[in-house]
């Protein structure tokens, strides 16, 4: 009886780039927390990377960051984001990524190019665990069955969260690198900050 089936013969030898979600949604530091873009992303994700003009990750904006902010609408991302951001490179193996998630107690990590350090994707806990764990053919005890059902339910909830933005037509494209120029043209404010909007 196999209690755990391995869907990849050597899953932890795989790299972050093999399982990361891309394109990755992000925000920029000058956006106000009341901006529709920020609200939309935080409804879809537990946290999003914050990028500077060079597409380098300078922080992460999460639900936890905004929970203690009294005046949400006018506060800016840069004022409440967590920094520095924990990131992994696209060449990091899954064992290393998993160890860093456990060490930092974060379950979503921005993935950056090892040379340019620019954002290339996002890797979450379910991206790592789903390819490793499959439903067991046989489960010996009721306790094991309950534990597995709870675990798989948690992974499904996380995956649903990850897919929410992609299900909204145009959103994934909007935040892709290919669409950067269009977004800048549409959303530049008087200060020239991409992705910022005036109230």
C-alpha atoms as a PDB file:
ATOM      1  CA  UNK A   1       0.000   0.000   0.000  1.00  0.00           C
ATOM      2  CA  UNK A   2       1.294   3.434  -0.942  1.00  0.00           C
ATOM      3  CA  UNK A   3       0.196   6.135   1.467  1.00  0.00           C
ATOM      4  CA  UNK A   4       1.899   8.812  -0.586  1.00  0.00           C
ATOM      5  CA  UNK A   5       2.329   8.599  -4.320  1.00  0.00           C
ATOM      6  CA  UNK A   6       5.096  10.575  -5.934  1.00  0.00           C
ATOM      7  CA  UNK A   7       3.966  12.148  -9.200  1.00  0.00           C
ATOM      8  CA  UNK A   8       7.493  13.275 -10.064  1.00  0.00           C
ATOM      9  CA  UNK A   9      10.265  10.637  -9.690  1.00  0.00           C
ATOM     10  CA  UNK A  10      12.581  13.219  -8.144  1.00  0.00           C
ATOM     11  CA  UNK A  11      10.388  16.260  -7.447  1.00  0.00           C
ATOM     12  CA  UNK A  12      12.790  18.163  -5.234  1.00  0.00           C
ATOM     13  CA  UNK A  13      15.411  18.197  -7.988  1.00  0.00           C
ATOM     14  CA  UNK A  14      13.048  20.305 -10.093  1.00  0.00           C
ATOM     15  CA  UNK A  15      13.653  24.031 -10.238  1.00  0.00           C
ATOM     16  CA  UNK A  16      11.450  26.933  -9.211  1.00  0.00           C
ATOM     17  CA  UNK A  17      11.015  27.856 -12.873  1.00  0.00           C
ATOM     18  CA  UNK A  18       9.437  24.431 -13.536  1.00  0.00           C
ATOM     19  CA  UNK A  19       6.474  25.013 -11.219  1.00  0.00           C
ATOM     20  CA  UNK A  20       6.173  28.777 -10.694  1.00  0.00           C
ATOM     21  CA  UNK A  21       3.081  30.696 -11.768  1.00  0.00           C
ATOM     22  CA  UNK A  22       3.652  33.203 -14.546  1.00  0.00           C
ATOM     23  CA  UNK A  23       2.989  35.959 -15.454  1.00  0.00           C
ATOM     24  CA  UNK A  24       3.142  37.264 -11.906  1.00  0.00           C
ATOM     25  CA  UNK A  25       0.828  40.013 -10.686  1.00  0.00           C
ATOM     26  CA  UNK A  26       2.536  42.904  -8.928  1.00  0.00           C
ATOM     27  CA  UNK A  27       2.038  46.450  -7.686  1.00  0.00           C
ATOM     28  CA  UNK A  28       4.292  49.498  -7.625  1.00  0.00           C
ATOM     29  CA  UNK A  29       5.254  51.500  -4.533  1.00  0.00           C
ATOM     30  CA  UNK A  30       3.431  54.735  -5.410  1.00  0.00           C
ATOM     31  CA  UNK A  31       0.010  53.125  -5.733  1.00  0.00           C
ATOM     32  CA  UNK A  32      -2.483  54.076  -3.035  1.00  0.00           C
ATOM     33  CA  UNK A  33      -4.027  51.226  -1.070  1.00  0.00           C
ATOM     34  CA  UNK A  34      -7.452  52.401  -2.173  1.00  0.00           C
ATOM     35  CA  UNK A  35      -6.549  51.997  -5.841  1.00  0.00           C
ATOM     36  CA  UNK A  36      -8.789  49.452  -7.621  1.00  0.00           C
ATOM     37  CA  UNK A  37      -5.705  47.546  -8.802  1.00  0.00           C
ATOM     38  CA  UNK A  38      -4.500  47.003  -5.231  1.00  0.00           C
ATOM     39  CA  UNK A  39      -7.952  46.040  -3.976  1.00  0.00           C
ATOM     40  CA  UNK A  40      -8.441  43.600  -6.853  1.00  0.00           C
ATOM     41  CA  UNK A  41      -5.118  41.856  -6.294  1.00  0.00           C
ATOM     42  CA  UNK A  42      -5.550  41.544  -2.540  1.00  0.00           C
ATOM     43  CA  UNK A  43      -8.955  39.979  -3.112  1.00  0.00           C
ATOM     44  CA  UNK A  44      -7.270  37.389  -5.316  1.00  0.00           C
ATOM     45  CA  UNK A  45      -3.994  36.818  -3.461  1.00  0.00           C
ATOM     46  CA  UNK A  46      -2.766  36.815   0.114  1.00  0.00           C
ATOM     47  CA  UNK A  47       0.138  39.012  -0.993  1.00  0.00           C
ATOM     48  CA  UNK A  48       1.760  40.488  -4.097  1.00  0.00           C
ATOM     49  CA  UNK A  49       5.318  41.584  -4.933  1.00  0.00           C
ATOM     50  CA  UNK A  50       6.126  45.294  -5.096  1.00  0.00           C
ATOM     51  CA  UNK A  51       8.361  46.268  -8.033  1.00  0.00           C
ATOM     52  CA  UNK A  52      10.438  49.334  -8.763  1.00  0.00           C
ATOM     53  CA  UNK A  53      10.803  50.811 -12.256  1.00  0.00           C
ATOM     54  CA  UNK A  54      13.468  48.215 -13.115  1.00  0.00           C
ATOM     55  CA  UNK A  55      11.110  45.334 -12.213  1.00  0.00           C
ATOM     56  CA  UNK A  56      13.177  44.495  -9.135  1.00  0.00           C
ATOM     57  CA  UNK A  57      11.302  43.193  -6.094  1.00  0.00           C
ATOM     58  CA  UNK A  58      11.609  45.777  -3.321  1.00  0.00           C
ATOM     59  CA  UNK A  59       8.916  44.461  -1.007  1.00  0.00           C
ATOM     60  CA  UNK A  60       5.712  42.471  -0.618  1.00  0.00           C
ATOM     61  CA  UNK A  61       2.237  43.817   0.132  1.00  0.00           C
ATOM     62  CA  UNK A  62       0.058  41.401   2.097  1.00  0.00           C
ATOM     63  CA  UNK A  63      -3.215  41.350   4.010  1.00  0.00           C
ATOM     64  CA  UNK A  64      -1.195  41.450   7.221  1.00  0.00           C
ATOM     65  CA  UNK A  65       0.518  44.666   6.135  1.00  0.00           C
ATOM     66  CA  UNK A  66      -2.728  46.548   5.602  1.00  0.00           C
ATOM     67  CA  UNK A  67      -4.620  45.161   8.603  1.00  0.00           C
ATOM     68  CA  UNK A  68      -3.025  47.674  10.995  1.00  0.00           C
ATOM     69  CA  UNK A  69      -3.352  50.700   8.693  1.00  0.00           C
ATOM     70  CA  UNK A  70      -6.012  53.151   9.844  1.00  0.00           C
ATOM     71  CA  UNK A  71      -6.356  55.285   6.695  1.00  0.00           C
ATOM     72  CA  UNK A  72      -6.262  52.772   3.867  1.00  0.00           C
ATOM     73  CA  UNK A  73      -7.470  54.831   0.932  1.00  0.00           C
ATOM     74  CA  UNK A  74      -4.667  57.412   0.880  1.00  0.00           C
ATOM     75  CA  UNK A  75      -1.794  55.347   2.299  1.00  0.00           C
ATOM     76  CA  UNK A  76       0.691  54.221  -0.321  1.00  0.00           C
ATOM     77  CA  UNK A  77       2.031  50.746  -0.942  1.00  0.00           C
ATOM     78  CA  UNK A  78       5.588  51.829  -0.128  1.00  0.00           C
ATOM     79  CA  UNK A  79       4.507  52.997   3.337  1.00  0.00           C
ATOM     80  CA  UNK A  80       3.072  49.680   4.508  1.00  0.00           C
ATOM     81  CA  UNK A  81       4.782  46.943   2.452  1.00  0.00           C
ATOM     82  CA  UNK A  82       7.058  44.389   4.109  1.00  0.00           C
ATOM     83  CA  UNK A  83      10.716  44.849   3.192  1.00  0.00           C
ATOM     84  CA  UNK A  84      13.158  43.581   2.268  1.00  0.00           C
ATOM     85  CA  UNK A  85      11.298  40.909   0.347  1.00  0.00           C
ATOM     86  CA  UNK A  86      12.181  37.238   0.579  1.00  0.00           C
ATOM     87  CA  UNK A  87      12.783  35.964  -2.955  1.00  0.00           C
ATOM     88  CA  UNK A  88      14.164  32.872  -4.663  1.00  0.00           C
ATOM     89  CA  UNK A  89      15.853  32.563  -8.028  1.00  0.00           C
ATOM     90  CA  UNK A  90      14.353  30.670 -10.939  1.00  0.00           C
ATOM     91  CA  UNK A  91      17.218  28.179 -10.738  1.00  0.00           C
ATOM     92  CA  UNK A  92      16.649  27.257  -7.085  1.00  0.00           C
ATOM     93  CA  UNK A  93      15.543  23.655  -6.566  1.00  0.00           C
ATOM     94  CA  UNK A  94      12.248  22.909  -4.848  1.00  0.00           C
ATOM     95  CA  UNK A  95      13.938  21.481  -1.757  1.00  0.00           C
ATOM     96  CA  UNK A  96      15.718  24.795  -1.234  1.00  0.00           C
ATOM     97  CA  UNK A  97      12.526  26.784  -1.845  1.00  0.00           C
ATOM     98  CA  UNK A  98      10.555  24.624   0.589  1.00  0.00           C
ATOM     99  CA  UNK A  99      13.250  25.005   3.264  1.00  0.00           C
ATOM    100  CA  UNK A 100      13.181  28.779   2.867  1.00  0.00           C
ATOM    101  CA  UNK A 101       9.382  28.869   3.082  1.00  0.00           C
ATOM    102  CA  UNK A 102       9.576  26.976   6.370  1.00  0.00           C
ATOM    103  CA  UNK A 103      12.389  29.167   7.683  1.00  0.00           C
ATOM    104  CA  UNK A 104      10.678  32.445   6.786  1.00  0.00           C
ATOM    105  CA  UNK A 105       7.126  31.180   7.458  1.00  0.00           C
ATOM    106  CA  UNK A 106       5.883  32.555   4.151  1.00  0.00           C
ATOM    107  CA  UNK A 107       3.952  30.478   1.625  1.00  0.00           C
ATOM    108  CA  UNK A 108       4.263  32.684  -1.470  1.00  0.00           C
ATOM    109  CA  UNK A 109       7.677  33.670  -2.796  1.00  0.00           C
ATOM    110  CA  UNK A 110       8.540  35.932  -5.733  1.00  0.00           C
ATOM    111  CA  UNK A 111      10.836  34.220  -8.236  1.00  0.00           C
ATOM    112  CA  UNK A 112      13.526  36.382  -9.828  1.00  0.00           C
ATOM    113  CA  UNK A 113      15.979  35.924 -12.661  1.00  0.00           C
ATOM    114  CA  UNK A 114      19.390  35.017 -11.172  1.00  0.00           C
ATOM    115  CA  UNK A 115      21.201  37.553 -13.374  1.00  0.00           C
ATOM    116  CA  UNK A 116      18.870  40.516 -13.865  1.00  0.00           C
ATOM    117  CA  UNK A 117      17.092  40.039 -10.491  1.00  0.00           C
ATOM    118  CA  UNK A 118      13.834  40.949 -12.230  1.00  0.00           C
ATOM    119  CA  UNK A 119      10.550  39.276 -11.299  1.00  0.00           C
ATOM    120  CA  UNK A 120       9.756  36.271 -13.503  1.00  0.00           C
ATOM    121  CA  UNK A 121       7.077  34.447 -11.500  1.00  0.00           C
ATOM    122  CA  UNK A 122       5.636  33.500  -8.121  1.00  0.00           C
ATOM    123  CA  UNK A 123       5.882  30.161  -6.338  1.00  0.00           C
ATOM    124  CA  UNK A 124       3.431  29.196  -3.593  1.00  0.00           C
ATOM    125  CA  UNK A 125       3.188  26.210  -1.278  1.00  0.00           C
ATOM    126  CA  UNK A 126       0.604  24.440  -3.427  1.00  0.00           C
ATOM    127  CA  UNK A 127       2.856  24.791  -6.496  1.00  0.00           C
ATOM    128  CA  UNK A 128       5.442  22.715  -4.631  1.00  0.00           C
ATOM    129  CA  UNK A 129       3.240  20.194  -2.825  1.00  0.00           C
ATOM    130  CA  UNK A 130       0.659  19.414  -5.501  1.00  0.00           C
ATOM    131  CA  UNK A 131       3.119  17.764  -7.924  1.00  0.00           C
ATOM    132  CA  UNK A 132       4.665  15.795  -5.059  1.00  0.00           C
ATOM    133  CA  UNK A 133       1.556  14.444  -3.355  1.00  0.00           C
ATOM    134  CA  UNK A 134      -1.171  12.474  -5.089  1.00  0.00           C
ATOM    135  CA  UNK A 135      -4.237  10.909  -3.556  1.00  0.00           C
ATOM    136  CA  UNK A 136      -3.280   7.595  -1.956  1.00  0.00           C
ATOM    137  CA  UNK A 137      -4.759   4.404  -3.389  1.00  0.00           C
ATOM    138  CA  UNK A 138      -5.402   3.090   0.093  1.00  0.00           C
ATOM    139  CA  UNK A 139      -5.426   4.802   3.473  1.00  0.00           C
ATOM    140  CA  UNK A 140      -4.996   2.582   6.497  1.00  0.00           C
ATOM    141  CA  UNK A 141      -6.716   4.556   9.252  1.00  0.00           C
ATOM    142  CA  UNK A 142      -9.568   7.023   9.557  1.00  0.00           C
ATOM    143  CA  UNK A 143      -7.162   9.516  11.133  1.00  0.00           C
ATOM    144  CA  UNK A 144      -4.871   9.361   8.117  1.00  0.00           C
ATOM    145  CA  UNK A 145      -7.827   9.795   5.790  1.00  0.00           C
ATOM    146  CA  UNK A 146      -9.045  12.889   7.633  1.00  0.00           C
ATOM    147  CA  UNK A 147      -5.538  14.353   7.697  1.00  0.00           C
ATOM    148  CA  UNK A 148      -5.095  13.832   3.956  1.00  0.00           C
ATOM    149  CA  UNK A 149      -8.527  15.273   3.147  1.00  0.00           C
ATOM    150  CA  UNK A 150      -7.730  18.373   5.192  1.00  0.00           C
ATOM    151  CA  UNK A 151      -4.357  18.736   3.488  1.00  0.00           C
ATOM    152  CA  UNK A 152      -5.723  18.314  -0.031  1.00  0.00           C
ATOM    153  CA  UNK A 153      -8.555  20.728   0.774  1.00  0.00           C
ATOM    154  CA  UNK A 154      -6.002  23.306   1.882  1.00  0.00           C
ATOM    155  CA  UNK A 155      -4.063  22.887  -1.349  1.00  0.00           C
ATOM    156  CA  UNK A 156      -7.247  23.246  -3.394  1.00  0.00           C
ATOM    157  CA  UNK A 157      -8.133  26.468  -1.586  1.00  0.00           C
ATOM    158  CA  UNK A 158      -4.669  27.850  -2.273  1.00  0.00           C
ATOM    159  CA  UNK A 159      -4.844  26.856  -5.936  1.00  0.00           C
ATOM    160  CA  UNK A 160      -8.268  28.466  -6.293  1.00  0.00           C
ATOM    161  CA  UNK A 161      -6.764  31.635  -4.846  1.00  0.00           C
ATOM    162  CA  UNK A 162      -3.893  31.492  -7.333  1.00  0.00           C
ATOM    163  CA  UNK A 163      -6.252  30.958 -10.286  1.00  0.00           C
ATOM    164  CA  UNK A 164      -8.712  33.689  -9.348  1.00  0.00           C
ATOM    165  CA  UNK A 165      -6.905  36.451 -11.202  1.00  0.00           C
ATOM    166  CA  UNK A 166      -6.256  34.342 -14.279  1.00  0.00           C
ATOM    167  CA  UNK A 167      -9.975  33.551 -14.504  1.00  0.00           C
ATOM    168  CA  UNK A 168     -10.734  37.248 -14.822  1.00  0.00           C
ATOM    169  CA  UNK A 169     -10.351  37.924 -18.548  1.00  0.00           C
ATOM    170  CA  UNK A 170      -7.504  40.285 -19.336  1.00  0.00           C
ATOM    171  CA  UNK A 171      -6.079  40.518 -15.821  1.00  0.00           C
ATOM    172  CA  UNK A 172      -3.151  38.161 -16.313  1.00  0.00           C
ATOM    173  CA  UNK A 173      -2.232  39.922 -19.552  1.00  0.00           C
ATOM    174  CA  UNK A 174      -2.543  43.311 -17.869  1.00  0.00           C
ATOM    175  CA  UNK A 175       0.186  42.429 -15.397  1.00  0.00           C
ATOM    176  CA  UNK A 176       2.475  40.648 -17.853  1.00  0.00           C
ATOM    177  CA  UNK A 177       5.757  42.092 -19.030  1.00  0.00           C
ATOM    178  CA  UNK A 178       4.404  42.339 -22.592  1.00  0.00           C
ATOM    179  CA  UNK A 179       1.665  44.680 -21.447  1.00  0.00           C
ATOM    180  CA  UNK A 180       3.914  47.009 -19.459  1.00  0.00           C
ATOM    181  CA  UNK A 181       4.101  49.661 -22.171  1.00  0.00           C
ATOM    182  CA  UNK A 182       0.327  49.821 -22.563  1.00  0.00           C
ATOM    183  CA  UNK A 183      -0.188  50.089 -18.816  1.00  0.00           C
ATOM    184  CA  UNK A 184       2.369  52.868 -18.501  1.00  0.00           C
ATOM    185  CA  UNK A 185       0.686  54.820 -21.307  1.00  0.00           C
ATOM    186  CA  UNK A 186      -2.730  54.429 -19.716  1.00  0.00           C
ATOM    187  CA  UNK A 187      -1.846  54.901 -16.066  1.00  0.00           C
ATOM    188  CA  UNK A 188       1.108  57.334 -15.770  1.00  0.00           C
ATOM    189  CA  UNK A 189       0.351  60.187 -13.403  1.00  0.00           C
ATOM    190  CA  UNK A 190       1.870  63.645 -13.254  1.00  0.00           C
ATOM    191  CA  UNK A 191       4.925  62.269 -11.492  1.00  0.00           C
ATOM    192  CA  UNK A 192       5.588  59.732 -14.193  1.00  0.00           C
ATOM    193  CA  UNK A 193       5.122  56.731 -11.901  1.00  0.00           C
ATOM    194  CA  UNK A 194       3.929  53.670 -13.833  1.00  0.00           C
ATOM    195  CA  UNK A 195       0.782  51.964 -12.544  1.00  0.00           C
ATOM    196  CA  UNK A 196      -0.101  54.956 -10.352  1.00  0.00           C
ATOM    197  CA  UNK A 197      -3.424  56.699 -10.622  1.00  0.00           C
ATOM    198  CA  UNK A 198      -4.731  60.018  -9.448  1.00  0.00           C
ATOM    199  CA  UNK A 199      -7.847  59.801  -7.230  1.00  0.00           C
END
